Amino acid sequence: MKFNKTTVTISVSQNAQKIFEDLEKMRPNHMSMSLFLAVIADDYIRTHGKNSKIIDFIGDDIKSSLPIFYAPIKNWVETVRELSPVEFTKLQERHWQLGNLINSEAGSRI
């Protein structure tokens, strides 16, 4: 994408249209959509860095709206209660993996 112009145009597929409509509802009135998208992209980069790929969040087979790790616990409570049985199992497996990693690391730091 080249930014040597003041206007950049993108096409929005039917699948992406709903996402942009949801973003428009969240966008503060004083902020342009381009600045809002830049803020969202910056937040994603700072939050995820090299820890995940954007493709990891695409697909219907995984819950793509889990709170960030250090989000308030109330956000996690609400989300965990809404998970399907398959999503809950995936989260539980990841929890076990992280628990094992933390326990192993804690043992080596003592």
PDB file of N, CA and C in Angstrom:
ATOM      1  N   MET A   1       0.850  -1.164   0.000  1.00  0.00           N
ATOM      2  CA  MET A   1       0.000   0.000   0.000  1.00  0.00           C
ATOM      3  C   MET A   1       0.899   1.230   0.000  1.00  0.00           C
ATOM      4  N   LYS A   2       0.638   2.118  -0.909  1.00  0.00           N
ATOM      5  CA  LYS A   2       1.414   3.355  -0.992  1.00  0.00           C
ATOM      6  C   LYS A   2       0.612   4.491  -0.378  1.00  0.00           C
ATOM      7  N   PHE A   3       1.301   5.326   0.392  1.00  0.00           N
ATOM      8  CA  PHE A   3       0.630   6.416   1.092  1.00  0.00           C
ATOM      9  C   PHE A   3       1.126   7.779   0.629  1.00  0.00           C
ATOM     10  N   ASN A   4       1.370   7.909  -0.666  1.00  0.00           N
ATOM     11  CA  ASN A   4       1.822   9.199  -1.166  1.00  0.00           C
ATOM     12  C   ASN A   4       0.645  10.068  -1.626  1.00  0.00           C
ATOM     13  N   LYS A   5      -0.547   9.692  -1.233  1.00  0.00           N
ATOM     14  CA  LYS A   5      -1.749  10.459  -1.515  1.00  0.00           C
ATOM     15  C   LYS A   5      -2.470  10.707  -0.199  1.00  0.00           C
ATOM     16  N   THR A   6      -3.404  11.645  -0.221  1.00  0.00           N
ATOM     17  CA  THR A   6      -4.146  11.909   1.016  1.00  0.00           C
ATOM     18  C   THR A   6      -5.334  10.971   1.180  1.00  0.00           C
ATOM     19  N   THR A   7      -5.737  10.284   0.124  1.00  0.00           N
ATOM     20  CA  THR A   7      -6.870   9.377   0.198  1.00  0.00           C
ATOM     21  C   THR A   7      -6.439   7.984  -0.225  1.00  0.00           C
ATOM     22  N   VAL A   8      -6.777   7.008   0.595  1.00  0.00           N
ATOM     23  CA  VAL A   8      -6.530   5.609   0.279  1.00  0.00           C
ATOM     24  C   VAL A   8      -7.879   4.925   0.255  1.00  0.00           C
ATOM     25  N   THR A   9      -8.162   4.185  -0.789  1.00  0.00           N
ATOM     26  CA  THR A   9      -9.441   3.519  -0.930  1.00  0.00           C
ATOM     27  C   THR A   9      -9.244   2.019  -0.802  1.00  0.00           C
ATOM     28  N   ILE A  10     -10.146   1.375  -0.087  1.00  0.00           N
ATOM     29  CA  ILE A  10     -10.116  -0.082   0.016  1.00  0.00           C
ATOM     30  C   ILE A  10     -11.484  -0.617  -0.372  1.00  0.00           C
ATOM     31  N   SER A  11     -11.509  -1.847  -0.861  1.00  0.00           N
ATOM     32  CA  SER A  11     -12.805  -2.473  -1.086  1.00  0.00           C
ATOM     33  C   SER A  11     -13.103  -3.331   0.130  1.00  0.00           C
ATOM     34  N   VAL A  12     -14.363  -3.394   0.486  1.00  0.00           N
ATOM     35  CA  VAL A  12     -14.780  -4.127   1.680  1.00  0.00           C
ATOM     36  C   VAL A  12     -15.730  -5.234   1.242  1.00  0.00           C
ATOM     37  N   SER A  13     -15.331  -6.476   1.510  1.00  0.00           N
ATOM     38  CA  SER A  13     -16.169  -7.615   1.143  1.00  0.00           C
ATOM     39  C   SER A  13     -17.397  -7.672   2.042  1.00  0.00           C
ATOM     40  N   GLN A  14     -18.350  -8.519   1.676  1.00  0.00           N
ATOM     41  CA  GLN A  14     -19.550  -8.664   2.491  1.00  0.00           C
ATOM     42  C   GLN A  14     -19.201  -9.197   3.883  1.00  0.00           C
ATOM     43  N   ASN A  15     -18.202 -10.076   3.946  1.00  0.00           N
ATOM     44  CA  ASN A  15     -17.789 -10.617   5.247  1.00  0.00           C
ATOM     45  C   ASN A  15     -17.190  -9.524   6.126  1.00  0.00           C
ATOM     46  N   ALA A  16     -16.427  -8.631   5.530  1.00  0.00           N
ATOM     47  CA  ALA A  16     -15.761  -7.582   6.300  1.00  0.00           C
ATOM     48  C   ALA A  16     -16.694  -6.412   6.610  1.00  0.00           C
ATOM     49  N   GLN A  17     -17.755  -6.262   5.860  1.00  0.00           N
ATOM     50  CA  GLN A  17     -18.653  -5.128   6.053  1.00  0.00           C
ATOM     51  C   GLN A  17     -19.198  -5.073   7.473  1.00  0.00           C
ATOM     52  N   LYS A  18     -19.621  -6.198   8.021  1.00  0.00           N
ATOM     53  CA  LYS A  18     -20.163  -6.234   9.390  1.00  0.00           C
ATOM     54  C   LYS A  18     -19.117  -5.777  10.397  1.00  0.00           C
ATOM     55  N   ILE A  19     -17.880  -6.169  10.177  1.00  0.00           N
ATOM     56  CA  ILE A  19     -16.800  -5.776  11.090  1.00  0.00           C
ATOM     57  C   ILE A  19     -16.619  -4.270  11.054  1.00  0.00           C
ATOM     58  N   PHE A  20     -16.610  -3.693   9.858  1.00  0.00           N
ATOM     59  CA  PHE A  20     -16.459  -2.243   9.747  1.00  0.00           C
ATOM     60  C   PHE A  20     -17.663  -1.515  10.329  1.00  0.00           C
ATOM     61  N   GLU A  21     -18.847  -2.077  10.188  1.00  0.00           N
ATOM     62  CA  GLU A  21     -20.031  -1.467  10.792  1.00  0.00           C
ATOM     63  C   GLU A  21     -19.925  -1.496  12.319  1.00  0.00           C
ATOM     64  N   ASP A  22     -19.437  -2.607  12.865  1.00  0.00           N
ATOM     65  CA  ASP A  22     -19.247  -2.692  14.323  1.00  0.00           C
ATOM     66  C   ASP A  22     -18.187  -1.693  14.787  1.00  0.00           C
ATOM     67  N   LEU A  23     -17.114  -1.552  14.000  1.00  0.00           N
ATOM     68  CA  LEU A  23     -16.076  -0.573  14.338  1.00  0.00           C
ATOM     69  C   LEU A  23     -16.635   0.844  14.326  1.00  0.00           C
ATOM     70  N   GLU A  24     -17.469   1.124  13.355  1.00  0.00           N
ATOM     71  CA  GLU A  24     -18.061   2.461  13.259  1.00  0.00           C
ATOM     72  C   GLU A  24     -18.886   2.784  14.504  1.00  0.00           C
ATOM     73  N   LYS A  25     -19.549   1.778  15.067  1.00  0.00           N
ATOM     74  CA  LYS A  25     -20.333   1.994  16.291  1.00  0.00           C
ATOM     75  C   LYS A  25     -19.422   2.294  17.486  1.00  0.00           C
ATOM     76  N   MET A  26     -18.204   1.752  17.467  1.00  0.00           N
ATOM     77  CA  MET A  26     -17.266   1.943  18.579  1.00  0.00           C
ATOM     78  C   MET A  26     -16.445   3.224  18.443  1.00  0.00           C
ATOM     79  N   ARG A  27     -16.320   3.719  17.221  1.00  0.00           N
ATOM     80  CA  ARG A  27     -15.444   4.863  16.950  1.00  0.00           C
ATOM     81  C   ARG A  27     -15.950   6.118  17.642  1.00  0.00           C
ATOM     82  N   PRO A  28     -15.069   6.775  18.415  1.00  0.00           N
ATOM     83  CA  PRO A  28     -15.463   8.053  19.034  1.00  0.00           C
ATOM     84  C   PRO A  28     -15.804   9.087  17.958  1.00  0.00           C
ATOM     85  N   ASN A  29     -16.777   9.936  18.224  1.00  0.00           N
ATOM     86  CA  ASN A  29     -17.245  10.921  17.242  1.00  0.00           C
ATOM     87  C   ASN A  29     -16.149  11.875  16.788  1.00  0.00           C
ATOM     88  N   HIS A  30     -15.203  12.179  17.666  1.00  0.00           N
ATOM     89  CA  HIS A  30     -14.170  13.155  17.331  1.00  0.00           C
ATOM     90  C   HIS A  30     -13.012  12.544  16.530  1.00  0.00           C
ATOM     91  N   MET A  31     -13.053  11.256  16.261  1.00  0.00           N
ATOM     92  CA  MET A  31     -11.927  10.572  15.630  1.00  0.00           C
ATOM     93  C   MET A  31     -12.307  10.091  14.233  1.00  0.00           C
ATOM     94  N   SER A  32     -11.429  10.331  13.274  1.00  0.00           N
ATOM     95  CA  SER A  32     -11.681   9.839  11.922  1.00  0.00           C
ATOM     96  C   SER A  32     -11.530   8.324  11.892  1.00  0.00           C
ATOM     97  N   MET A  33     -12.149   7.694  10.899  1.00  0.00           N
ATOM     98  CA  MET A  33     -12.044   6.237  10.790  1.00  0.00           C
ATOM     99  C   MET A  33     -10.603   5.822  10.529  1.00  0.00           C
ATOM    100  N   SER A  34      -9.860   6.590   9.749  1.00  0.00           N
ATOM    101  CA  SER A  34      -8.476   6.216   9.475  1.00  0.00           C
ATOM    102  C   SER A  34      -7.617   6.270  10.743  1.00  0.00           C
ATOM    103  N   LEU A  35      -7.822   7.292  11.573  1.00  0.00           N
ATOM    104  CA  LEU A  35      -7.080   7.359  12.830  1.00  0.00           C
ATOM    105  C   LEU A  35      -7.508   6.233  13.755  1.00  0.00           C
ATOM    106  N   PHE A  36      -8.801   5.938  13.796  1.00  0.00           N
ATOM    107  CA  PHE A  36      -9.309   4.857  14.634  1.00  0.00           C
ATOM    108  C   PHE A  36      -8.689   3.518  14.224  1.00  0.00           C
ATOM    109  N   LEU A  37      -8.628   3.243  12.932  1.00  0.00           N
ATOM    110  CA  LEU A  37      -7.999   2.012  12.447  1.00  0.00           C
ATOM    111  C   LEU A  37      -6.514   1.977  12.794  1.00  0.00           C
ATOM    112  N   ALA A  38      -5.848   3.127  12.712  1.00  0.00           N
ATOM    113  CA  ALA A  38      -4.432   3.192  13.078  1.00  0.00           C
ATOM    114  C   ALA A  38      -4.241   2.895  14.571  1.00  0.00           C
ATOM    115  N   VAL A  39      -5.124   3.418  15.411  1.00  0.00           N
ATOM    116  CA  VAL A  39      -5.050   3.170  16.857  1.00  0.00           C
ATOM    117  C   VAL A  39      -5.270   1.678  17.139  1.00  0.00           C
ATOM    118  N   ILE A  40      -6.231   1.086  16.459  1.00  0.00           N
ATOM    119  CA  ILE A  40      -6.508  -0.340  16.630  1.00  0.00           C
ATOM    120  C   ILE A  40      -5.299  -1.170  16.195  1.00  0.00           C
ATOM    121  N   ALA A  41      -4.726  -0.828  15.047  1.00  0.00           N
ATOM    122  CA  ALA A  41      -3.547  -1.555  14.560  1.00  0.00           C
ATOM    123  C   ALA A  41      -2.375  -1.399  15.522  1.00  0.00           C
ATOM    124  N   ASP A  42      -2.176  -0.201  16.026  1.00  0.00           N
ATOM    125  CA  ASP A  42      -1.091   0.034  16.981  1.00  0.00           C
ATOM    126  C   ASP A  42      -1.293  -0.790  18.251  1.00  0.00           C
ATOM    127  N   ASP A  43      -2.521  -0.829  18.733  1.00  0.00           N
ATOM    128  CA  ASP A  43      -2.829  -1.622  19.927  1.00  0.00           C
ATOM    129  C   ASP A  43      -2.550  -3.101  19.670  1.00  0.00           C
ATOM    130  N   TYR A  44      -2.938  -3.597  18.510  1.00  0.00           N
ATOM    131  CA  TYR A  44      -2.685  -5.002  18.180  1.00  0.00           C
ATOM    132  C   TYR A  44      -1.185  -5.285  18.166  1.00  0.00           C
ATOM    133  N   ILE A  45      -0.427  -4.415  17.528  1.00  0.00           N
ATOM    134  CA  ILE A  45       1.025  -4.611  17.425  1.00  0.00           C
ATOM    135  C   ILE A  45       1.667  -4.588  18.803  1.00  0.00           C
ATOM    136  N   ARG A  46       1.291  -3.613  19.646  1.00  0.00           N
ATOM    137  CA  ARG A  46       1.872  -3.526  20.996  1.00  0.00           C
ATOM    138  C   ARG A  46       1.440  -4.700  21.868  1.00  0.00           C
ATOM    139  N   THR A  47       0.197  -5.143  21.732  1.00  0.00           N
ATOM    140  CA  THR A  47      -0.324  -6.218  22.573  1.00  0.00           C
ATOM    141  C   THR A  47       0.225  -7.581  22.168  1.00  0.00           C
ATOM    142  N   HIS A  48       0.266  -7.829  20.880  1.00  0.00           N
ATOM    143  CA  HIS A  48       0.613  -9.163  20.407  1.00  0.00           C
ATOM    144  C   HIS A  48       2.039  -9.294  19.902  1.00  0.00           C
ATOM    145  N   GLY A  49       2.584  -8.244  19.326  1.00  0.00           N
ATOM    146  CA  GLY A  49       3.946  -8.313  18.809  1.00  0.00           C
ATOM    147  C   GLY A  49       4.173  -9.572  18.011  1.00  0.00           C
ATOM    148  N   LYS A  50       5.201 -10.313  18.382  1.00  0.00           N
ATOM    149  CA  LYS A  50       5.525 -11.549  17.680  1.00  0.00           C
ATOM    150  C   LYS A  50       4.888 -12.769  18.345  1.00  0.00           C
ATOM    151  N   ASN A  51       4.049 -12.543  19.368  1.00  0.00           N
ATOM    152  CA  ASN A  51       3.448 -13.665  20.091  1.00  0.00           C
ATOM    153  C   ASN A  51       2.368 -14.391  19.308  1.00  0.00           C
ATOM    154  N   SER A  52       1.795 -13.744  18.330  1.00  0.00           N
ATOM    155  CA  SER A  52       0.760 -14.400  17.542  1.00  0.00           C
ATOM    156  C   SER A  52       0.715 -13.770  16.161  1.00  0.00           C
ATOM    157  N   LYS A  53       0.091 -14.486  15.273  1.00  0.00           N
ATOM    158  CA  LYS A  53      -0.106 -13.984  13.921  1.00  0.00           C
ATOM    159  C   LYS A  53      -1.576 -13.632  13.770  1.00  0.00           C
ATOM    160  N   ILE A  54      -1.861 -12.629  12.982  1.00  0.00           N
ATOM    161  CA  ILE A  54      -3.244 -12.192  12.814  1.00  0.00           C
ATOM    162  C   ILE A  54      -4.097 -13.341  12.292  1.00  0.00           C
ATOM    163  N   ILE A  55      -3.518 -14.222  11.520  1.00  0.00           N
ATOM    164  CA  ILE A  55      -4.249 -15.364  10.972  1.00  0.00           C
ATOM    165  C   ILE A  55      -4.750 -16.281  12.093  1.00  0.00           C
ATOM    166  N   ASP A  56      -4.093 -16.232  13.265  1.00  0.00           N
ATOM    167  CA  ASP A  56      -4.534 -17.046  14.401  1.00  0.00           C
ATOM    168  C   ASP A  56      -5.920 -16.646  14.884  1.00  0.00           C
ATOM    169  N   PHE A  57      -6.370 -15.450  14.531  1.00  0.00           N
ATOM    170  CA  PHE A  57      -7.652 -14.947  15.007  1.00  0.00           C
ATOM    171  C   PHE A  57      -8.764 -15.105  13.974  1.00  0.00           C
ATOM    172  N   ILE A  58      -8.440 -15.743  12.861  1.00  0.00           N
ATOM    173  CA  ILE A  58      -9.431 -15.901  11.792  1.00  0.00           C
ATOM    174  C   ILE A  58      -9.984 -17.316  11.839  1.00  0.00           C
ATOM    175  N   GLY A  59     -11.259 -17.450  11.718  1.00  0.00           N
ATOM    176  CA  GLY A  59     -11.868 -18.764  11.668  1.00  0.00           C
ATOM    177  C   GLY A  59     -12.969 -18.915  12.687  1.00  0.00           C
ATOM    178  N   ASP A  60     -13.900 -19.763  12.367  1.00  0.00           N
ATOM    179  CA  ASP A  60     -15.036 -19.992  13.248  1.00  0.00           C
ATOM    180  C   ASP A  60     -14.753 -21.068  14.285  1.00  0.00           C
ATOM    181  N   ASP A  61     -13.626 -21.774  14.131  1.00  0.00           N
ATOM    182  CA  ASP A  61     -13.354 -22.894  15.020  1.00  0.00           C
ATOM    183  C   ASP A  61     -12.697 -22.478  16.329  1.00  0.00           C
ATOM    184  N   ILE A  62     -12.317 -21.223  16.450  1.00  0.00           N
ATOM    185  CA  ILE A  62     -11.718 -20.759  17.701  1.00  0.00           C
ATOM    186  C   ILE A  62     -12.384 -19.471  18.137  1.00  0.00           C
ATOM    187  N   LYS A  63     -12.389 -19.257  19.418  1.00  0.00           N
ATOM    188  CA  LYS A  63     -12.952 -18.019  19.964  1.00  0.00           C
ATOM    189  C   LYS A  63     -11.925 -16.924  19.751  1.00  0.00           C
ATOM    190  N   SER A  64     -12.245 -15.957  18.921  1.00  0.00           N
ATOM    191  CA  SER A  64     -11.277 -14.918  18.600  1.00  0.00           C
ATOM    192  C   SER A  64     -11.440 -13.685  19.468  1.00  0.00           C
ATOM    193  N   SER A  65     -12.339 -13.739  20.420  1.00  0.00           N
ATOM    194  CA  SER A  65     -12.570 -12.539  21.226  1.00  0.00           C
ATOM    195  C   SER A  65     -12.226 -12.758  22.692  1.00  0.00           C
ATOM    196  N   LEU A  66     -11.230 -13.593  22.980  1.00  0.00           N
ATOM    197  CA  LEU A  66     -10.801 -13.752  24.365  1.00  0.00           C
ATOM    198  C   LEU A  66     -10.162 -12.456  24.841  1.00  0.00           C
ATOM    199  N   PRO A  67     -10.348 -12.110  26.094  1.00  0.00           N
ATOM    200  CA  PRO A  67      -9.713 -10.895  26.624  1.00  0.00           C
ATOM    201  C   PRO A  67      -8.186 -11.029  26.592  1.00  0.00           C
ATOM    202  N   ILE A  68      -7.501  -9.907  26.583  1.00  0.00           N
ATOM    203  CA  ILE A  68      -6.053  -9.978  26.674  1.00  0.00           C
ATOM    204  C   ILE A  68      -5.703 -10.564  28.030  1.00  0.00           C
ATOM    205  N   PHE A  69      -4.518 -11.115  28.140  1.00  0.00           N
ATOM    206  CA  PHE A  69      -4.115 -11.891  29.310  1.00  0.00           C
ATOM    207  C   PHE A  69      -4.334 -11.139  30.620  1.00  0.00           C
ATOM    208  N   TYR A  70      -3.931  -9.876  30.692  1.00  0.00           N
ATOM    209  CA  TYR A  70      -4.036  -9.113  31.936  1.00  0.00           C
ATOM    210  C   TYR A  70      -5.294  -8.247  32.010  1.00  0.00           C
ATOM    211  N   ALA A  71      -6.305  -8.590  31.220  1.00  0.00           N
ATOM    212  CA  ALA A  71      -7.577  -7.869  31.306  1.00  0.00           C
ATOM    213  C   ALA A  71      -8.190  -8.101  32.683  1.00  0.00           C
ATOM    214  N   PRO A  72      -9.071  -7.209  33.121  1.00  0.00           N
ATOM    215  CA  PRO A  72      -9.738  -7.431  34.411  1.00  0.00           C
ATOM    216  C   PRO A  72     -10.399  -8.814  34.436  1.00  0.00           C
ATOM    217  N   ILE A  73     -10.341  -9.467  35.578  1.00  0.00           N
ATOM    218  CA  ILE A  73     -10.858 -10.837  35.699  1.00  0.00           C
ATOM    219  C   ILE A  73     -12.340 -10.908  35.360  1.00  0.00           C
ATOM    220  N   LYS A  74     -13.086  -9.824  35.588  1.00  0.00           N
ATOM    221  CA  LYS A  74     -14.520  -9.847  35.252  1.00  0.00           C
ATOM    222  C   LYS A  74     -14.724 -10.060  33.752  1.00  0.00           C
ATOM    223  N   ASN A  75     -13.800  -9.552  32.928  1.00  0.00           N
ATOM    224  CA  ASN A  75     -13.892  -9.795  31.484  1.00  0.00           C
ATOM    225  C   ASN A  75     -13.730 -11.281  31.180  1.00  0.00           C
ATOM    226  N   TRP A  76     -12.804 -11.921  31.889  1.00  0.00           N
ATOM    227  CA  TRP A  76     -12.581 -13.350  31.698  1.00  0.00           C
ATOM    228  C   TRP A  76     -13.784 -14.154  32.180  1.00  0.00           C
ATOM    229  N   VAL A  77     -14.366 -13.757  33.311  1.00  0.00           N
ATOM    230  CA  VAL A  77     -15.519 -14.479  33.855  1.00  0.00           C
ATOM    231  C   VAL A  77     -16.646 -14.494  32.826  1.00  0.00           C
ATOM    232  N   GLU A  78     -16.964 -13.347  32.279  1.00  0.00           N
ATOM    233  CA  GLU A  78     -18.044 -13.248  31.294  1.00  0.00           C
ATOM    234  C   GLU A  78     -17.744 -14.088  30.068  1.00  0.00           C
ATOM    235  N   THR A  79     -16.520 -14.013  29.577  1.00  0.00           N
ATOM    236  CA  THR A  79     -16.150 -14.735  28.356  1.00  0.00           C
ATOM    237  C   THR A  79     -16.160 -16.239  28.570  1.00  0.00           C
ATOM    238  N   VAL A  80     -15.566 -16.701  29.665  1.00  0.00           N
ATOM    239  CA  VAL A  80     -15.496 -18.143  29.918  1.00  0.00           C
ATOM    240  C   VAL A  80     -16.901 -18.733  30.035  1.00  0.00           C
ATOM    241  N   ARG A  81     -17.800 -18.018  30.648  1.00  0.00           N
ATOM    242  CA  ARG A  81     -19.177 -18.513  30.795  1.00  0.00           C
ATOM    243  C   ARG A  81     -19.893 -18.633  29.458  1.00  0.00           C
ATOM    244  N   GLU A  82     -19.475 -17.851  28.463  1.00  0.00           N
ATOM    245  CA  GLU A  82     -20.131 -17.865  27.156  1.00  0.00           C
ATOM    246  C   GLU A  82     -19.487 -18.843  26.166  1.00  0.00           C
ATOM    247  N   LEU A  83     -18.372 -19.461  26.523  1.00  0.00           N
ATOM    248  CA  LEU A  83     -17.682 -20.369  25.606  1.00  0.00           C
ATOM    249  C   LEU A  83     -18.510 -21.618  25.336  1.00  0.00           C
ATOM    250  N   SER A  84     -18.427 -22.084  24.101  1.00  0.00           N
ATOM    251  CA  SER A  84     -19.053 -23.363  23.765  1.00  0.00           C
ATOM    252  C   SER A  84     -18.233 -24.472  24.417  1.00  0.00           C
ATOM    253  N   PRO A  85     -18.769 -25.682  24.504  1.00  0.00           N
ATOM    254  CA  PRO A  85     -17.990 -26.783  25.081  1.00  0.00           C
ATOM    255  C   PRO A  85     -16.642 -27.006  24.379  1.00  0.00           C
ATOM    256  N   VAL A  86     -16.613 -26.891  23.068  1.00  0.00           N
ATOM    257  CA  VAL A  86     -15.357 -27.072  22.324  1.00  0.00           C
ATOM    258  C   VAL A  86     -14.378 -25.950  22.643  1.00  0.00           C
ATOM    259  N   GLU A  87     -14.860 -24.703  22.664  1.00  0.00           N
ATOM    260  CA  GLU A  87     -14.001 -23.564  22.994  1.00  0.00           C
ATOM    261  C   GLU A  87     -13.493 -23.668  24.428  1.00  0.00           C
ATOM    262  N   PHE A  88     -14.356 -24.108  25.335  1.00  0.00           N
ATOM    263  CA  PHE A  88     -13.953 -24.255  26.731  1.00  0.00           C
ATOM    264  C   PHE A  88     -12.844 -25.300  26.857  1.00  0.00           C
ATOM    265  N   THR A  89     -12.966 -26.407  26.144  1.00  0.00           N
ATOM    266  CA  THR A  89     -11.943 -27.448  26.175  1.00  0.00           C
ATOM    267  C   THR A  89     -10.614 -26.916  25.659  1.00  0.00           C
ATOM    268  N   LYS A  90     -10.649 -26.139  24.583  1.00  0.00           N
ATOM    269  CA  LYS A  90      -9.412 -25.558  24.038  1.00  0.00           C
ATOM    270  C   LYS A  90      -8.773 -24.604  25.044  1.00  0.00           C
ATOM    271  N   LEU A  91      -9.589 -23.800  25.704  1.00  0.00           N
ATOM    272  CA  LEU A  91      -9.063 -22.886  26.710  1.00  0.00           C
ATOM    273  C   LEU A  91      -8.481 -23.666  27.891  1.00  0.00           C
ATOM    274  N   GLN A  92      -9.156 -24.710  28.292  1.00  0.00           N
ATOM    275  CA  GLN A  92      -8.679 -25.535  29.401  1.00  0.00           C
ATOM    276  C   GLN A  92      -7.334 -26.186  29.056  1.00  0.00           C
ATOM    277  N   GLU A  93      -7.198 -26.672  27.839  1.00  0.00           N
ATOM    278  CA  GLU A  93      -5.925 -27.268  27.416  1.00  0.00           C
ATOM    279  C   GLU A  93      -4.793 -26.240  27.440  1.00  0.00           C
ATOM    280  N   ARG A  94      -5.083 -25.033  26.974  1.00  0.00           N
ATOM    281  CA  ARG A  94      -4.059 -23.983  26.994  1.00  0.00           C
ATOM    282  C   ARG A  94      -3.706 -23.616  28.435  1.00  0.00           C
ATOM    283  N   HIS A  95      -4.701 -23.584  29.304  1.00  0.00           N
ATOM    284  CA  HIS A  95      -4.472 -23.288  30.719  1.00  0.00           C
ATOM    285  C   HIS A  95      -3.528 -24.319  31.325  1.00  0.00           C
ATOM    286  N   TRP A  96      -3.748 -25.586  31.027  1.00  0.00           N
ATOM    287  CA  TRP A  96      -2.862 -26.640  31.528  1.00  0.00           C
ATOM    288  C   TRP A  96      -1.443 -26.454  30.999  1.00  0.00           C
ATOM    289  N   GLN A  97      -1.337 -26.134  29.707  1.00  0.00           N
ATOM    290  CA  GLN A  97      -0.009 -25.926  29.115  1.00  0.00           C
ATOM    291  C   GLN A  97       0.717 -24.779  29.811  1.00  0.00           C
ATOM    292  N   LEU A  98       0.011 -23.675  30.012  1.00  0.00           N
ATOM    293  CA  LEU A  98       0.631 -22.530  30.690  1.00  0.00           C
ATOM    294  C   LEU A  98       0.975 -22.862  32.130  1.00  0.00           C
ATOM    295  N   GLY A  99       0.087 -23.581  32.810  1.00  0.00           N
ATOM    296  CA  GLY A  99       0.353 -23.981  34.185  1.00  0.00           C
ATOM    297  C   GLY A  99       1.607 -24.835  34.289  1.00  0.00           C
ATOM    298  N   ASN A 100       1.755 -25.793  33.381  1.00  0.00           N
ATOM    299  CA  ASN A 100       2.950 -26.636  33.379  1.00  0.00           C
ATOM    300  C   ASN A 100       4.205 -25.814  33.112  1.00  0.00           C
ATOM    301  N   LEU A 101       4.115 -24.881  32.170  1.00  0.00           N
ATOM    302  CA  LEU A 101       5.258 -24.024  31.845  1.00  0.00           C
ATOM    303  C   LEU A 101       5.645 -23.166  33.054  1.00  0.00           C
ATOM    304  N   ILE A 102       4.656 -22.569  33.700  1.00  0.00           N
ATOM    305  CA  ILE A 102       4.916 -21.710  34.856  1.00  0.00           C
ATOM    306  C   ILE A 102       5.497 -22.525  36.013  1.00  0.00           C
ATOM    307  N   ASN A 103       4.923 -23.691  36.273  1.00  0.00           N
ATOM    308  CA  ASN A 103       5.442 -24.542  37.348  1.00  0.00           C
ATOM    309  C   ASN A 103       6.879 -24.969  37.075  1.00  0.00           C
ATOM    310  N   SER A 104       7.184 -25.329  35.840  1.00  0.00           N
ATOM    311  CA  SER A 104       8.532 -25.725  35.464  1.00  0.00           C
ATOM    312  C   SER A 104       9.509 -24.568  35.642  1.00  0.00           C
ATOM    313  N   GLU A 105       9.109 -23.389  35.197  1.00  0.00           N
ATOM    314  CA  GLU A 105       9.957 -22.216  35.312  1.00  0.00           C
ATOM    315  C   GLU A 105      10.146 -21.826  36.779  1.00  0.00           C
ATOM    316  N   ALA A 106       9.076 -21.915  37.554  1.00  0.00           N
ATOM    317  CA  ALA A 106       9.174 -21.580  38.975  1.00  0.00           C
ATOM    318  C   ALA A 106      10.157 -22.512  39.681  1.00  0.00           C
ATOM    319  N   GLY A 107      10.131 -23.779  39.313  1.00  0.00           N
ATOM    320  CA  GLY A 107      11.054 -24.736  39.908  1.00  0.00           C
ATOM    321  C   GLY A 107      12.496 -24.430  39.613  1.00  0.00           C
ATOM    322  N   SER A 108      12.759 -23.889  38.435  1.00  0.00           N
ATOM    323  CA  SER A 108      14.139 -23.566  38.064  1.00  0.00           C
ATOM    324  C   SER A 108      14.599 -22.234  38.651  1.00  0.00           C
ATOM    325  N   ARG A 109      13.699 -21.422  39.129  1.00  0.00           N
ATOM    326  CA  ARG A 109      14.053 -20.109  39.674  1.00  0.00           C
ATOM    327  C   ARG A 109      14.243 -20.148  41.187  1.00  0.00           C
ATOM    328  N   ILE A 110      13.918 -21.232  41.808  1.00  0.00           N
ATOM    329  CA  ILE A 110      14.051 -21.318  43.275  1.00  0.00           C
ATOM    330  C   ILE A 110      15.457 -21.695  43.645  1.00  0.00           C
TER     331      ILE A 110
END
